[in-house]
Amino acid sequence: MGLVEGLSGPEIQLRLRARSFLHNQVRSIVGTLERVGAGRWAPEDVKTALEARNRAACGPVSPPDGLYLQNVRYKSDPFA
């Protein structure tokens, strides 16, 4: 995660890596972290949301604008 100067001002860059992601999982993570960064949630609220094991307890799903898939890595033959 990092803050960099973008073309239209500061932007936050996140690099998320996992074996797989659920539908809208990254957007949910970004929306939750945005709440913390904006000061609307304390970091402890993220822990509470994760412990709830319910996506409804997380922050809002962020809009897709600016989010993109950079890379996908597979074993040399994923179907072997």
C-alpha atoms as a PDB file:
ATOM      1  CA  MET A   1       0.000   0.000   0.000  1.00  0.00           C
ATOM      2  CA  GLY A   2       1.323   3.394  -0.817  1.00  0.00           C
ATOM      3  CA  LEU A   3       0.349   6.991  -1.441  1.00  0.00           C
ATOM      4  CA  VAL A   4       1.683   8.424  -4.687  1.00  0.00           C
ATOM      5  CA  GLU A   5       1.075  11.553  -6.713  1.00  0.00           C
ATOM      6  CA  GLY A   6      -1.253  10.737  -9.610  1.00  0.00           C
ATOM      7  CA  LEU A   7      -2.266  12.842 -12.591  1.00  0.00           C
ATOM      8  CA  SER A   8      -5.164  14.439 -10.713  1.00  0.00           C
ATOM      9  CA  GLY A   9      -3.702  14.468  -7.199  1.00  0.00           C
ATOM     10  CA  PRO A  10      -2.752  11.921  -4.560  1.00  0.00           C
ATOM     11  CA  GLU A  11      -3.770   8.340  -5.133  1.00  0.00           C
ATOM     12  CA  ILE A  12      -3.579   5.214  -3.024  1.00  0.00           C
ATOM     13  CA  GLN A  13      -2.055   2.108  -4.538  1.00  0.00           C
ATOM     14  CA  LEU A  14      -2.837  -1.297  -3.069  1.00  0.00           C
ATOM     15  CA  ARG A  15      -1.320  -4.577  -4.171  1.00  0.00           C
ATOM     16  CA  LEU A  16      -3.419  -7.524  -3.127  1.00  0.00           C
ATOM     17  CA  ARG A  17      -2.292 -11.074  -3.677  1.00  0.00           C
ATOM     18  CA  ALA A  18      -4.110 -14.325  -2.965  1.00  0.00           C
ATOM     19  CA  ARG A  19      -4.650 -17.791  -4.309  1.00  0.00           C
ATOM     20  CA  SER A  20      -8.148 -16.616  -5.280  1.00  0.00           C
ATOM     21  CA  PHE A  21     -10.626 -13.847  -4.540  1.00  0.00           C
ATOM     22  CA  LEU A  22     -14.375 -13.880  -3.998  1.00  0.00           C
ATOM     23  CA  HIS A  23     -16.671 -11.750  -6.162  1.00  0.00           C
ATOM     24  CA  ASN A  24     -16.193  -8.055  -5.218  1.00  0.00           C
ATOM     25  CA  GLN A  25     -13.785  -8.995  -2.414  1.00  0.00           C
ATOM     26  CA  VAL A  26     -11.114  -6.504  -3.493  1.00  0.00           C
ATOM     27  CA  ARG A  27     -13.688  -3.739  -3.855  1.00  0.00           C
ATOM     28  CA  SER A  28     -14.967  -4.538  -0.357  1.00  0.00           C
ATOM     29  CA  ILE A  29     -11.422  -4.385   1.069  1.00  0.00           C
ATOM     30  CA  VAL A  30     -10.782  -1.042  -0.660  1.00  0.00           C
ATOM     31  CA  GLY A  31     -14.100   0.401   0.565  1.00  0.00           C
ATOM     32  CA  THR A  32     -13.353  -0.666   4.132  1.00  0.00           C
ATOM     33  CA  LEU A  33      -9.820   0.763   4.089  1.00  0.00           C
ATOM     34  CA  GLU A  34     -11.135   4.006   2.586  1.00  0.00           C
ATOM     35  CA  ARG A  35     -13.355   4.443   5.641  1.00  0.00           C
ATOM     36  CA  VAL A  36     -10.332   4.104   7.924  1.00  0.00           C
ATOM     37  CA  GLY A  37      -8.257   6.499   5.817  1.00  0.00           C
ATOM     38  CA  ALA A  38     -11.055   9.071   5.814  1.00  0.00           C
ATOM     39  CA  GLY A  39     -11.284   8.844   9.611  1.00  0.00           C
ATOM     40  CA  ARG A  40     -14.832   7.463   9.649  1.00  0.00           C
ATOM     41  CA  TRP A  41     -13.663   4.145  11.106  1.00  0.00           C
ATOM     42  CA  ALA A  42     -10.977   3.365  13.648  1.00  0.00           C
ATOM     43  CA  PRO A  43      -8.570   0.527  12.776  1.00  0.00           C
ATOM     44  CA  GLU A  44     -10.278  -1.543  15.480  1.00  0.00           C
ATOM     45  CA  ASP A  45     -13.512  -1.334  13.463  1.00  0.00           C
ATOM     46  CA  VAL A  46     -11.835  -3.353  10.708  1.00  0.00           C
ATOM     47  CA  LYS A  47     -10.985  -6.074  13.223  1.00  0.00           C
ATOM     48  CA  THR A  48     -14.601  -6.086  14.407  1.00  0.00           C
ATOM     49  CA  ALA A  49     -15.865  -6.351  10.824  1.00  0.00           C
ATOM     50  CA  LEU A  50     -13.529  -9.254  10.055  1.00  0.00           C
ATOM     51  CA  GLU A  51     -14.487 -11.075  13.237  1.00  0.00           C
ATOM     52  CA  ALA A  52     -18.173 -10.727  12.290  1.00  0.00           C
ATOM     53  CA  ARG A  53     -17.476 -12.984   9.279  1.00  0.00           C
ATOM     54  CA  ASN A  54     -20.232 -11.152   7.451  1.00  0.00           C
ATOM     55  CA  ARG A  55     -19.571  -8.888   4.476  1.00  0.00           C
ATOM     56  CA  ALA A  56     -22.452  -6.640   5.541  1.00  0.00           C
ATOM     57  CA  ALA A  57     -20.320  -5.628   8.552  1.00  0.00           C
ATOM     58  CA  CYS A  58     -17.575  -4.315   6.245  1.00  0.00           C
ATOM     59  CA  GLY A  59     -17.377  -0.950   4.592  1.00  0.00           C
ATOM     60  CA  PRO A  60     -19.160  -0.282   1.308  1.00  0.00           C
ATOM     61  CA  VAL A  61     -18.023  -1.897  -1.919  1.00  0.00           C
ATOM     62  CA  SER A  62     -15.906   0.717  -3.677  1.00  0.00           C
ATOM     63  CA  PRO A  63     -16.714   1.718  -7.238  1.00  0.00           C
ATOM     64  CA  PRO A  64     -14.642  -0.055  -9.880  1.00  0.00           C
ATOM     65  CA  ASP A  65     -13.162   3.201 -11.199  1.00  0.00           C
ATOM     66  CA  GLY A  66      -9.392   3.063 -10.959  1.00  0.00           C
ATOM     67  CA  LEU A  67      -9.230  -0.578  -9.939  1.00  0.00           C
ATOM     68  CA  TYR A  68      -7.588  -2.896 -12.417  1.00  0.00           C
ATOM     69  CA  LEU A  69      -6.135  -6.362 -12.633  1.00  0.00           C
ATOM     70  CA  GLN A  70      -2.417  -6.075 -13.203  1.00  0.00           C
ATOM     71  CA  ASN A  71      -1.233  -9.649 -13.283  1.00  0.00           C
ATOM     72  CA  VAL A  72      -2.342 -13.271 -13.048  1.00  0.00           C
ATOM     73  CA  ARG A  73       0.173 -16.018 -12.404  1.00  0.00           C
ATOM     74  CA  TYR A  74      -0.404 -19.700 -12.940  1.00  0.00           C
ATOM     75  CA  LYS A  75       1.790 -22.720 -12.583  1.00  0.00           C
ATOM     76  CA  SER A  76       3.301 -23.660 -15.929  1.00  0.00           C
ATOM     77  CA  ASP A  77       0.326 -25.964 -16.586  1.00  0.00           C
ATOM     78  CA  PRO A  78      -2.572 -25.326 -14.200  1.00  0.00           C
ATOM     79  CA  PHE A  79      -4.552 -28.280 -15.587  1.00  0.00           C
ATOM     80  CA  ALA A  80      -1.816 -30.911 -15.204  1.00  0.00           C
END
